[in-house]
Structure formats: structure tokens, C-alpha cells
């Protein structure tokens, strides 16, 4: 999913990014069945004519929790003096390091 996300063009330039995704039915179906459904979605529905919004629930509390978490991550990053870093084994680490060298010239 990370490689198909909207921020991926920036990632390829070395910009650190996260992809946050939750699944409302994960608790109900369990990990194995949820992963089967997720796999089916990415193969058969994502960016296809079947990719439509279908409201399943009126309970959006999980989305609110996710938004609060990501707000805090962003606020902590914005108020930090440290830049995010790629993991040592990331294929994008070298791209990021090269872009930082160019910007420090």
C-alpha cells in the first residue's frame, strides 16, 4: 500500500513519509480474514470502476482517534529540531542523504 500511496512521488525523492491506514472490521474478522479482504481490495477494487464510497457505519470514532494521533505526530515533528530519518535498510535513505547534501551547498 505504501508504494501505491499518494505521497509516493515525494518518497521517491527521499522525503520521509508515513502511510496510516486502519480497518474498521479488523477486530470483528481477525487478522487473517482482514488481510484477505485487504488483499482483495487492493487487487480488485482500488482505482477501478468499483472503487466507490460505501458508508458501513455511523461510528466514526476510530477515524477521530486516528486524526488526533496523526495531529500529535505532526505537531511533535513541527516543533522538533530533528528531521525524520529513513531506516538504515531503506531503499530511499541514499536519495534523502543526497538531497540533503545538495541543499547544504
PDB file of N, CA and C in Angstrom:
ATOM      1  N   UNK A   1       0.824  -1.188   0.000  1.00  0.00           N
ATOM      2  CA  UNK A   1       0.000   0.000   0.000  1.00  0.00           C
ATOM      3  C   UNK A   1       0.868   1.252   0.000  1.00  0.00           C
ATOM      4  N   UNK A   2       1.975   1.205   0.713  1.00  0.00           N
ATOM      5  CA  UNK A   2       2.862   2.365   0.800  1.00  0.00           C
ATOM      6  C   UNK A   2       3.335   2.783  -0.594  1.00  0.00           C
ATOM      7  N   UNK A   3       3.639   1.800  -1.440  1.00  0.00           N
ATOM      8  CA  UNK A   3       4.159   2.089  -2.772  1.00  0.00           C
ATOM      9  C   UNK A   3       3.072   2.576  -3.733  1.00  0.00           C
ATOM     10  N   UNK A   4       1.821   2.463  -3.344  1.00  0.00           N
ATOM     11  CA  UNK A   4       0.720   2.939  -4.177  1.00  0.00           C
ATOM     12  C   UNK A   4       0.071   4.188  -3.592  1.00  0.00           C
ATOM     13  N   UNK A   5       0.641   4.726  -2.538  1.00  0.00           N
ATOM     14  CA  UNK A   5       0.036   5.861  -1.843  1.00  0.00           C
ATOM     15  C   UNK A   5       0.287   7.172  -2.589  1.00  0.00           C
ATOM     16  N   UNK A   6      -0.504   8.168  -2.271  1.00  0.00           N
ATOM     17  CA  UNK A   6      -0.414   9.470  -2.942  1.00  0.00           C
ATOM     18  C   UNK A   6       0.895  10.196  -2.658  1.00  0.00           C
ATOM     19  N   UNK A   7       1.518   9.916  -1.536  1.00  0.00           N
ATOM     20  CA  UNK A   7       2.758  10.606  -1.209  1.00  0.00           C
ATOM     21  C   UNK A   7       3.990   9.937  -1.824  1.00  0.00           C
ATOM     22  N   UNK A   8       3.802   8.834  -2.537  1.00  0.00           N
ATOM     23  CA  UNK A   8       4.938   8.078  -3.045  1.00  0.00           C
ATOM     24  C   UNK A   8       5.844   8.865  -4.006  1.00  0.00           C
ATOM     25  N   UNK A   9       5.330   9.760  -4.853  1.00  0.00           N
ATOM     26  CA  UNK A   9       6.256  10.557  -5.673  1.00  0.00           C
ATOM     27  C   UNK A   9       7.247  11.355  -4.823  1.00  0.00           C
ATOM     28  N   UNK A  10       6.811  11.838  -3.673  1.00  0.00           N
ATOM     29  CA  UNK A  10       7.733  12.547  -2.772  1.00  0.00           C
ATOM     30  C   UNK A  10       8.706  11.574  -2.115  1.00  0.00           C
ATOM     31  N   UNK A  11       8.233  10.406  -1.761  1.00  0.00           N
ATOM     32  CA  UNK A  11       9.086   9.382  -1.152  1.00  0.00           C
ATOM     33  C   UNK A  11      10.239   9.042  -2.093  1.00  0.00           C
ATOM     34  N   UNK A  12       9.948   8.918  -3.381  1.00  0.00           N
ATOM     35  CA  UNK A  12      10.988   8.575  -4.353  1.00  0.00           C
ATOM     36  C   UNK A  12      12.061   9.655  -4.439  1.00  0.00           C
ATOM     37  N   UNK A  13      11.732  10.864  -3.989  1.00  0.00           N
ATOM     38  CA  UNK A  13      12.710  11.947  -3.941  1.00  0.00           C
ATOM     39  C   UNK A  13      13.432  12.005  -2.603  1.00  0.00           C
ATOM     40  N   UNK A  14      13.101  11.059  -1.707  1.00  0.00           N
ATOM     41  CA  UNK A  14      13.774  10.985  -0.418  1.00  0.00           C
ATOM     42  C   UNK A  14      13.049  11.629   0.732  1.00  0.00           C
ATOM     43  N   UNK A  15      11.859  12.172   0.500  1.00  0.00           N
ATOM     44  CA  UNK A  15      11.098  12.822   1.570  1.00  0.00           C
ATOM     45  C   UNK A  15      10.482  11.745   2.461  1.00  0.00           C
ATOM     46  N   UNK A  16      10.843  11.704   3.748  1.00  0.00           N
ATOM     47  CA  UNK A  16      10.256  10.699   4.648  1.00  0.00           C
ATOM     48  C   UNK A  16       8.742  10.861   4.738  1.00  0.00           C
ATOM     49  N   UNK A  17       8.039   9.746   4.767  1.00  0.00           N
ATOM     50  CA  UNK A  17       6.580   9.780   4.809  1.00  0.00           C
ATOM     51  C   UNK A  17       6.053   8.552   5.530  1.00  0.00           C
ATOM     52  N   UNK A  18       4.857   8.675   6.048  1.00  0.00           N
ATOM     53  CA  UNK A  18       4.177   7.527   6.631  1.00  0.00           C
ATOM     54  C   UNK A  18       2.867   7.338   5.891  1.00  0.00           C
ATOM     55  N   UNK A  19       2.367   6.140   5.956  1.00  0.00           N
ATOM     56  CA  UNK A  19       1.067   5.841   5.372  1.00  0.00           C
ATOM     57  C   UNK A  19       0.241   5.204   6.476  1.00  0.00           C
ATOM     58  N   UNK A  20      -0.768   5.903   6.919  1.00  0.00           N
ATOM     59  CA  UNK A  20      -1.598   5.408   8.018  1.00  0.00           C
ATOM     60  C   UNK A  20      -2.907   4.879   7.459  1.00  0.00           C
ATOM     61  N   UNK A  21      -3.249   3.672   7.825  1.00  0.00           N
ATOM     62  CA  UNK A  21      -4.482   3.057   7.337  1.00  0.00           C
ATOM     63  C   UNK A  21      -5.010   2.132   8.414  1.00  0.00           C
ATOM     64  N   UNK A  22      -6.268   2.268   8.723  1.00  0.00           N
ATOM     65  CA  UNK A  22      -6.913   1.380   9.675  1.00  0.00           C
ATOM     66  C   UNK A  22      -8.037   0.624   9.002  1.00  0.00           C
ATOM     67  N   UNK A  23      -8.442  -0.443   9.589  1.00  0.00           N
ATOM     68  CA  UNK A  23      -9.517  -1.253   9.027  1.00  0.00           C
ATOM     69  C   UNK A  23     -10.574  -1.474  10.097  1.00  0.00           C
ATOM     70  N   UNK A  24     -11.776  -0.978   9.815  1.00  0.00           N
ATOM     71  CA  UNK A  24     -12.832  -0.991  10.814  1.00  0.00           C
ATOM     72  C   UNK A  24     -13.284  -2.400  11.186  1.00  0.00           C
ATOM     73  N   UNK A  25     -13.128  -3.352  10.291  1.00  0.00           N
ATOM     74  CA  UNK A  25     -13.598  -4.706  10.568  1.00  0.00           C
ATOM     75  C   UNK A  25     -12.512  -5.626  11.116  1.00  0.00           C
ATOM     76  N   UNK A  26     -11.317  -5.120  11.353  1.00  0.00           N
ATOM     77  CA  UNK A  26     -10.210  -5.967  11.787  1.00  0.00           C
ATOM     78  C   UNK A  26     -10.511  -6.685  13.100  1.00  0.00           C
ATOM     79  N   UNK A  27     -11.106  -5.979  14.029  1.00  0.00           N
ATOM     80  CA  UNK A  27     -11.413  -6.608  15.319  1.00  0.00           C
ATOM     81  C   UNK A  27     -12.483  -7.683  15.151  1.00  0.00           C
ATOM     82  N   UNK A  28     -13.450  -7.425  14.295  1.00  0.00           N
ATOM     83  CA  UNK A  28     -14.554  -8.360  14.089  1.00  0.00           C
ATOM     84  C   UNK A  28     -14.101  -9.630  13.363  1.00  0.00           C
ATOM     85  N   UNK A  29     -13.272  -9.481  12.315  1.00  0.00           N
ATOM     86  CA  UNK A  29     -12.898 -10.623  11.479  1.00  0.00           C
ATOM     87  C   UNK A  29     -11.582 -11.289  11.870  1.00  0.00           C
ATOM     88  N   UNK A  30     -10.744 -10.612  12.629  1.00  0.00           N
ATOM     89  CA  UNK A  30      -9.442 -11.162  12.964  1.00  0.00           C
ATOM     90  C   UNK A  30      -8.417 -10.823  11.892  1.00  0.00           C
ATOM     91  N   UNK A  31      -7.160 -11.026  12.242  1.00  0.00           N
ATOM     92  CA  UNK A  31      -6.068 -10.601  11.380  1.00  0.00           C
ATOM     93  C   UNK A  31      -6.060 -11.318  10.028  1.00  0.00           C
ATOM     94  N   UNK A  32      -6.188 -12.628  10.029  1.00  0.00           N
ATOM     95  CA  UNK A  32      -6.079 -13.392   8.782  1.00  0.00           C
ATOM     96  C   UNK A  32      -7.175 -13.026   7.779  1.00  0.00           C
ATOM     97  N   UNK A  33      -8.424 -13.004   8.216  1.00  0.00           N
ATOM     98  CA  UNK A  33      -9.532 -12.677   7.322  1.00  0.00           C
ATOM     99  C   UNK A  33      -9.459 -11.214   6.877  1.00  0.00           C
ATOM    100  N   UNK A  34      -9.056 -10.327   7.781  1.00  0.00           N
ATOM    101  CA  UNK A  34      -8.913  -8.921   7.419  1.00  0.00           C
ATOM    102  C   UNK A  34      -7.872  -8.766   6.322  1.00  0.00           C
ATOM    103  N   UNK A  35      -6.743  -9.458   6.447  1.00  0.00           N
ATOM    104  CA  UNK A  35      -5.698  -9.358   5.436  1.00  0.00           C
ATOM    105  C   UNK A  35      -6.166  -9.913   4.090  1.00  0.00           C
ATOM    106  N   UNK A  36      -7.002 -10.940   4.100  1.00  0.00           N
ATOM    107  CA  UNK A  36      -7.578 -11.460   2.854  1.00  0.00           C
ATOM    108  C   UNK A  36      -8.453 -10.398   2.192  1.00  0.00           C
ATOM    109  N   UNK A  37      -9.267  -9.715   2.992  1.00  0.00           N
ATOM    110  CA  UNK A  37     -10.138  -8.670   2.465  1.00  0.00           C
ATOM    111  C   UNK A  37      -9.326  -7.479   1.945  1.00  0.00           C
ATOM    112  N   UNK A  38      -8.285  -7.130   2.674  1.00  0.00           N
ATOM    113  CA  UNK A  38      -7.417  -6.029   2.252  1.00  0.00           C
ATOM    114  C   UNK A  38      -6.743  -6.381   0.932  1.00  0.00           C
ATOM    115  N   UNK A  39      -6.233  -7.596   0.825  1.00  0.00           N
ATOM    116  CA  UNK A  39      -5.575  -8.041  -0.399  1.00  0.00           C
ATOM    117  C   UNK A  39      -6.546  -7.984  -1.581  1.00  0.00           C
ATOM    118  N   UNK A  40      -7.761  -8.458  -1.370  1.00  0.00           N
ATOM    119  CA  UNK A  40      -8.790  -8.414  -2.414  1.00  0.00           C
ATOM    120  C   UNK A  40      -9.078  -6.971  -2.821  1.00  0.00           C
ATOM    121  N   UNK A  41      -9.192  -6.081  -1.847  1.00  0.00           N
ATOM    122  CA  UNK A  41      -9.462  -4.669  -2.147  1.00  0.00           C
ATOM    123  C   UNK A  41      -8.385  -4.093  -3.062  1.00  0.00           C
ATOM    124  N   UNK A  42      -7.116  -4.310  -2.702  1.00  0.00           N
ATOM    125  CA  UNK A  42      -6.028  -3.731  -3.485  1.00  0.00           C
ATOM    126  C   UNK A  42      -5.940  -4.342  -4.880  1.00  0.00           C
ATOM    127  N   UNK A  43      -6.267  -5.604  -5.027  1.00  0.00           N
ATOM    128  CA  UNK A  43      -6.186  -6.270  -6.329  1.00  0.00           C
ATOM    129  C   UNK A  43      -7.399  -6.002  -7.216  1.00  0.00           C
ATOM    130  N   UNK A  44      -8.593  -5.928  -6.632  1.00  0.00           N
ATOM    131  CA  UNK A  44      -9.805  -5.915  -7.439  1.00  0.00           C
ATOM    132  C   UNK A  44     -10.599  -4.609  -7.406  1.00  0.00           C
ATOM    133  N   UNK A  45     -10.400  -3.772  -6.390  1.00  0.00           N
ATOM    134  CA  UNK A  45     -11.271  -2.600  -6.228  1.00  0.00           C
ATOM    135  C   UNK A  45     -10.515  -1.275  -6.343  1.00  0.00           C
ATOM    136  N   UNK A  46      -9.375  -1.154  -5.683  1.00  0.00           N
ATOM    137  CA  UNK A  46      -8.628   0.110  -5.619  1.00  0.00           C
ATOM    138  C   UNK A  46      -8.379   0.662  -7.021  1.00  0.00           C
ATOM    139  N   UNK A  47      -8.782   1.912  -7.246  1.00  0.00           N
ATOM    140  CA  UNK A  47      -8.625   2.619  -8.517  1.00  0.00           C
ATOM    141  C   UNK A  47      -9.221   1.854  -9.691  1.00  0.00           C
ATOM    142  N   UNK A  48     -10.345   1.220  -9.449  1.00  0.00           N
ATOM    143  CA  UNK A  48     -11.090   0.545 -10.501  1.00  0.00           C
ATOM    144  C   UNK A  48     -12.498   1.148 -10.527  1.00  0.00           C
ATOM    145  N   UNK A  49     -13.326   0.765 -11.487  1.00  0.00           N
ATOM    146  CA  UNK A  49     -14.707   1.283 -11.502  1.00  0.00           C
ATOM    147  C   UNK A  49     -15.507   0.926 -10.244  1.00  0.00           C
ATOM    148  N   UNK A  50     -15.027  -0.055  -9.481  1.00  0.00           N
ATOM    149  CA  UNK A  50     -15.727  -0.474  -8.263  1.00  0.00           C
ATOM    150  C   UNK A  50     -15.285   0.302  -7.022  1.00  0.00           C
ATOM    151  N   UNK A  51     -14.333   1.211  -7.178  1.00  0.00           N
ATOM    152  CA  UNK A  51     -13.763   1.960  -6.061  1.00  0.00           C
ATOM    153  C   UNK A  51     -14.680   3.133  -5.732  1.00  0.00           C
ATOM    154  N   UNK A  52     -15.676   2.869  -4.902  1.00  0.00           N
ATOM    155  CA  UNK A  52     -16.658   3.873  -4.520  1.00  0.00           C
ATOM    156  C   UNK A  52     -16.776   3.932  -3.002  1.00  0.00           C
ATOM    157  N   UNK A  53     -17.280   5.037  -2.519  1.00  0.00           N
ATOM    158  CA  UNK A  53     -17.520   5.188  -1.085  1.00  0.00           C
ATOM    159  C   UNK A  53     -18.794   4.447  -0.714  1.00  0.00           C
ATOM    160  N   UNK A  54     -18.700   3.584   0.263  1.00  0.00           N
ATOM    161  CA  UNK A  54     -19.856   2.845   0.773  1.00  0.00           C
ATOM    162  C   UNK A  54     -19.880   2.984   2.291  1.00  0.00           C
ATOM    163  N   UNK A  55     -20.720   3.849   2.813  1.00  0.00           N
ATOM    164  CA  UNK A  55     -20.749   4.002   4.278  1.00  0.00           C
ATOM    165  C   UNK A  55     -21.187   2.698   4.938  1.00  0.00           C
ATOM    166  N   UNK A  56     -20.353   2.210   5.863  1.00  0.00           N
ATOM    167  CA  UNK A  56     -20.669   0.961   6.560  1.00  0.00           C
ATOM    168  C   UNK A  56     -21.179   1.217   7.967  1.00  0.00           C
ATOM    169  N   UNK A  57     -20.840   2.368   8.501  1.00  0.00           N
ATOM    170  CA  UNK A  57     -21.161   2.604   9.900  1.00  0.00           C
ATOM    171  C   UNK A  57     -21.327   4.094  10.167  1.00  0.00           C
ATOM    172  N   UNK A  58     -22.082   4.402  11.169  1.00  0.00           N
ATOM    173  CA  UNK A  58     -22.206   5.787  11.607  1.00  0.00           C
ATOM    174  C   UNK A  58     -21.159   6.119  12.663  1.00  0.00           C
ATOM    175  N   UNK A  59     -20.449   5.112  13.144  1.00  0.00           N
ATOM    176  CA  UNK A  59     -19.453   5.307  14.196  1.00  0.00           C
ATOM    177  C   UNK A  59     -18.110   5.667  13.569  1.00  0.00           C
ATOM    178  N   UNK A  60     -17.765   6.927  13.622  1.00  0.00           N
ATOM    179  CA  UNK A  60     -16.502   7.399  13.074  1.00  0.00           C
ATOM    180  C   UNK A  60     -15.471   7.667  14.168  1.00  0.00           C
ATOM    181  N   UNK A  61     -15.668   7.099  15.344  1.00  0.00           N
ATOM    182  CA  UNK A  61     -14.777   7.376  16.464  1.00  0.00           C
ATOM    183  C   UNK A  61     -13.345   6.913  16.179  1.00  0.00           C
ATOM    184  N   UNK A  62     -13.191   5.843  15.435  1.00  0.00           N
ATOM    185  CA  UNK A  62     -11.842   5.375  15.096  1.00  0.00           C
ATOM    186  C   UNK A  62     -11.108   6.366  14.215  1.00  0.00           C
ATOM    187  N   UNK A  63     -11.823   6.969  13.279  1.00  0.00           N
ATOM    188  CA  UNK A  63     -11.215   7.972  12.407  1.00  0.00           C
ATOM    189  C   UNK A  63     -10.814   9.192  13.227  1.00  0.00           C
ATOM    190  N   UNK A  64     -11.635   9.558  14.187  1.00  0.00           N
ATOM    191  CA  UNK A  64     -11.314  10.687  15.066  1.00  0.00           C
ATOM    192  C   UNK A  64     -10.045  10.377  15.862  1.00  0.00           C
ATOM    193  N   UNK A  65      -9.939   9.163  16.391  1.00  0.00           N
ATOM    194  CA  UNK A  65      -8.729   8.765  17.131  1.00  0.00           C
ATOM    195  C   UNK A  65      -7.502   8.817  16.233  1.00  0.00           C
ATOM    196  N   UNK A  66      -7.635   8.316  14.992  1.00  0.00           N
ATOM    197  CA  UNK A  66      -6.516   8.355  14.045  1.00  0.00           C
ATOM    198  C   UNK A  66      -6.100   9.795  13.762  1.00  0.00           C
ATOM    199  N   UNK A  67      -7.081  10.669  13.546  1.00  0.00           N
ATOM    200  CA  UNK A  67      -6.785  12.071  13.256  1.00  0.00           C
ATOM    201  C   UNK A  67      -6.052  12.731  14.419  1.00  0.00           C
ATOM    202  N   UNK A  68      -6.468  12.442  15.633  1.00  0.00           N
ATOM    203  CA  UNK A  68      -5.796  13.009  16.811  1.00  0.00           C
ATOM    204  C   UNK A  68      -4.352  12.504  16.899  1.00  0.00           C
ATOM    205  N   UNK A  69      -4.165  11.212  16.681  1.00  0.00           N
ATOM    206  CA  UNK A  69      -2.819  10.640  16.730  1.00  0.00           C
ATOM    207  C   UNK A  69      -1.920  11.295  15.687  1.00  0.00           C
ATOM    208  N   UNK A  70      -2.404  11.368  14.444  1.00  0.00           N
ATOM    209  CA  UNK A  70      -1.586  11.946  13.382  1.00  0.00           C
ATOM    210  C   UNK A  70      -1.354  13.441  13.589  1.00  0.00           C
ATOM    211  N   UNK A  71      -2.316  14.125  14.201  1.00  0.00           N
ATOM    212  CA  UNK A  71      -2.092  15.532  14.551  1.00  0.00           C
ATOM    213  C   UNK A  71      -0.919  15.646  15.526  1.00  0.00           C
ATOM    214  N   UNK A  72      -0.914  14.806  16.547  1.00  0.00           N
ATOM    215  CA  UNK A  72       0.160  14.854  17.541  1.00  0.00           C
ATOM    216  C   UNK A  72       1.509  14.490  16.930  1.00  0.00           C
ATOM    217  N   UNK A  73       1.528  13.522  16.028  1.00  0.00           N
ATOM    218  CA  UNK A  73       2.771  13.187  15.332  1.00  0.00           C
ATOM    219  C   UNK A  73       3.268  14.397  14.556  1.00  0.00           C
ATOM    220  N   UNK A  74       2.370  15.037  13.796  1.00  0.00           N
ATOM    221  CA  UNK A  74       2.741  16.215  13.021  1.00  0.00           C
ATOM    222  C   UNK A  74       3.167  17.388  13.890  1.00  0.00           C
ATOM    223  N   UNK A  75       2.448  17.624  14.979  1.00  0.00           N
ATOM    224  CA  UNK A  75       2.793  18.732  15.883  1.00  0.00           C
ATOM    225  C   UNK A  75       4.155  18.497  16.532  1.00  0.00           C
ATOM    226  N   UNK A  76       4.410  17.250  16.950  1.00  0.00           N
ATOM    227  CA  UNK A  76       5.715  16.941  17.541  1.00  0.00           C
ATOM    228  C   UNK A  76       6.831  17.134  16.521  1.00  0.00           C
ATOM    229  N   UNK A  77       6.600  16.721  15.297  1.00  0.00           N
ATOM    230  CA  UNK A  77       7.599  16.894  14.245  1.00  0.00           C
ATOM    231  C   UNK A  77       7.817  18.373  13.948  1.00  0.00           C
ATOM    232  N   UNK A  78       6.739  19.137  13.844  1.00  0.00           N
ATOM    233  CA  UNK A  78       6.847  20.565  13.538  1.00  0.00           C
ATOM    234  C   UNK A  78       7.584  21.327  14.634  1.00  0.00           C
ATOM    235  N   UNK A  79       7.472  20.890  15.855  1.00  0.00           N
ATOM    236  CA  UNK A  79       8.108  21.575  16.979  1.00  0.00           C
ATOM    237  C   UNK A  79       9.448  20.966  17.363  1.00  0.00           C
ATOM    238  N   UNK A  80       9.919  20.015  16.587  1.00  0.00           N
ATOM    239  CA  UNK A  80      11.184  19.348  16.873  1.00  0.00           C
ATOM    240  C   UNK A  80      12.322  20.014  16.111  1.00  0.00           C
ATOM    241  N   UNK A  81      13.517  19.858  16.628  1.00  0.00           N
ATOM    242  CA  UNK A  81      14.696  20.351  15.913  1.00  0.00           C
ATOM    243  C   UNK A  81      15.342  19.229  15.096  1.00  0.00           C
ATOM    244  N   UNK A  82      14.783  18.036  15.155  1.00  0.00           N
ATOM    245  CA  UNK A  82      15.325  16.902  14.408  1.00  0.00           C
ATOM    246  C   UNK A  82      14.455  16.609  13.193  1.00  0.00           C
ATOM    247  N   UNK A  83      15.092  16.208  12.110  1.00  0.00           N
ATOM    248  CA  UNK A  83      14.390  15.806  10.902  1.00  0.00           C
ATOM    249  C   UNK A  83      14.126  14.318  10.939  1.00  0.00           C
ATOM    250  N   UNK A  84      13.044  13.870  10.326  1.00  0.00           N
ATOM    251  CA  UNK A  84      12.808  12.420  10.242  1.00  0.00           C
ATOM    252  C   UNK A  84      13.925  11.769   9.434  1.00  0.00           C
ATOM    253  N   UNK A  85      14.203  10.523   9.755  1.00  0.00           N
ATOM    254  CA  UNK A  85      15.262   9.796   9.064  1.00  0.00           C
ATOM    255  C   UNK A  85      14.715   8.474   8.561  1.00  0.00           C
ATOM    256  N   UNK A  86      15.259   8.040   7.449  1.00  0.00           N
ATOM    257  CA  UNK A  86      14.917   6.720   6.930  1.00  0.00           C
ATOM    258  C   UNK A  86      15.641   5.661   7.741  1.00  0.00           C
ATOM    259  N   UNK A  87      15.064   4.489   7.837  1.00  0.00           N
ATOM    260  CA  UNK A  87      15.749   3.363   8.467  1.00  0.00           C
ATOM    261  C   UNK A  87      16.994   3.033   7.658  1.00  0.00           C
ATOM    262  N   UNK A  88      17.976   2.452   8.311  1.00  0.00           N
ATOM    263  CA  UNK A  88      19.254   2.158   7.662  1.00  0.00           C
ATOM    264  C   UNK A  88      19.093   1.277   6.427  1.00  0.00           C
ATOM    265  N   UNK A  89      18.128   0.367   6.428  1.00  0.00           N
ATOM    266  CA  UNK A  89      17.961  -0.558   5.301  1.00  0.00           C
ATOM    267  C   UNK A  89      16.958  -0.062   4.255  1.00  0.00           C
ATOM    268  N   UNK A  90      16.504   1.180   4.364  1.00  0.00           N
ATOM    269  CA  UNK A  90      15.515   1.713   3.418  1.00  0.00           C
ATOM    270  C   UNK A  90      16.161   2.021   2.074  1.00  0.00           C
ATOM    271  N   UNK A  91      15.472   1.668   1.016  1.00  0.00           N
ATOM    272  CA  UNK A  91      15.961   1.969  -0.323  1.00  0.00           C
ATOM    273  C   UNK A  91      15.949   3.463  -0.620  1.00  0.00           C
ATOM    274  N   UNK A  92      15.274   4.261   0.206  1.00  0.00           N
ATOM    275  CA  UNK A  92      15.165   5.694  -0.031  1.00  0.00           C
ATOM    276  C   UNK A  92      16.156   6.512   0.803  1.00  0.00           C
ATOM    277  N   UNK A  93      16.903   5.855   1.664  1.00  0.00           N
ATOM    278  CA  UNK A  93      17.845   6.557   2.544  1.00  0.00           C
ATOM    279  C   UNK A  93      18.911   7.309   1.734  1.00  0.00           C
ATOM    280  N   UNK A  94      19.487   6.673   0.730  1.00  0.00           N
ATOM    281  CA  UNK A  94      20.539   7.311  -0.070  1.00  0.00           C
ATOM    282  C   UNK A  94      20.002   8.521  -0.840  1.00  0.00           C
ATOM    283  N   UNK A  95      18.784   8.415  -1.345  1.00  0.00           N
ATOM    284  CA  UNK A  95      18.184   9.537  -2.073  1.00  0.00           C
ATOM    285  C   UNK A  95      18.044  10.736  -1.135  1.00  0.00           C
ATOM    286  N   UNK A  96      17.575  10.482   0.077  1.00  0.00           N
ATOM    287  CA  UNK A  96      17.404  11.554   1.059  1.00  0.00           C
ATOM    288  C   UNK A  96      18.749  12.182   1.422  1.00  0.00           C
ATOM    289  N   UNK A  97      19.748  11.350   1.671  1.00  0.00           N
ATOM    290  CA  UNK A  97      21.066  11.871   2.044  1.00  0.00           C
ATOM    291  C   UNK A  97      21.660  12.717   0.921  1.00  0.00           C
ATOM    292  N   UNK A  98      21.476  12.290  -0.335  1.00  0.00           N
ATOM    293  CA  UNK A  98      21.975  13.081  -1.464  1.00  0.00           C
ATOM    294  C   UNK A  98      21.257  14.415  -1.573  1.00  0.00           C
ATOM    295  N   UNK A  99      19.946  14.428  -1.330  1.00  0.00           N
ATOM    296  CA  UNK A  99      19.198  15.683  -1.408  1.00  0.00           C
ATOM    297  C   UNK A  99      19.627  16.636  -0.287  1.00  0.00           C
ATOM    298  N   UNK A 100      19.953  16.094   0.886  1.00  0.00           N
ATOM    299  CA  UNK A 100      20.417  16.948   1.985  1.00  0.00           C
ATOM    300  C   UNK A 100      21.788  17.531   1.688  1.00  0.00           C
ATOM    301  N   UNK A 101      22.659  16.749   1.055  1.00  0.00           N
ATOM    302  CA  UNK A 101      23.992  17.259   0.684  1.00  0.00           C
ATOM    303  C   UNK A 101      23.852  18.413  -0.299  1.00  0.00           C
ATOM    304  N   UNK A 102      22.959  18.275  -1.277  1.00  0.00           N
ATOM    305  CA  UNK A 102      22.763  19.326  -2.280  1.00  0.00           C
ATOM    306  C   UNK A 102      22.207  20.597  -1.637  1.00  0.00           C
ATOM    307  N   UNK A 103      21.308  20.454  -0.655  1.00  0.00           N
ATOM    308  CA  UNK A 103      20.699  21.630  -0.027  1.00  0.00           C
ATOM    309  C   UNK A 103      21.652  22.338   0.923  1.00  0.00           C
ATOM    310  N   UNK A 104      22.718  21.659   1.367  1.00  0.00           N
ATOM    311  CA  UNK A 104      23.684  22.259   2.285  1.00  0.00           C
ATOM    312  C   UNK A 104      24.847  22.946   1.552  1.00  0.00           C
ATOM    313  N   UNK A 105      24.806  22.941   0.245  1.00  0.00           N
ATOM    314  CA  UNK A 105      25.899  23.584  -0.528  1.00  0.00           C
ATOM    315  C   UNK A 105      25.830  25.063  -0.479  1.00  0.00           C
TER     316      UNK A 105
END
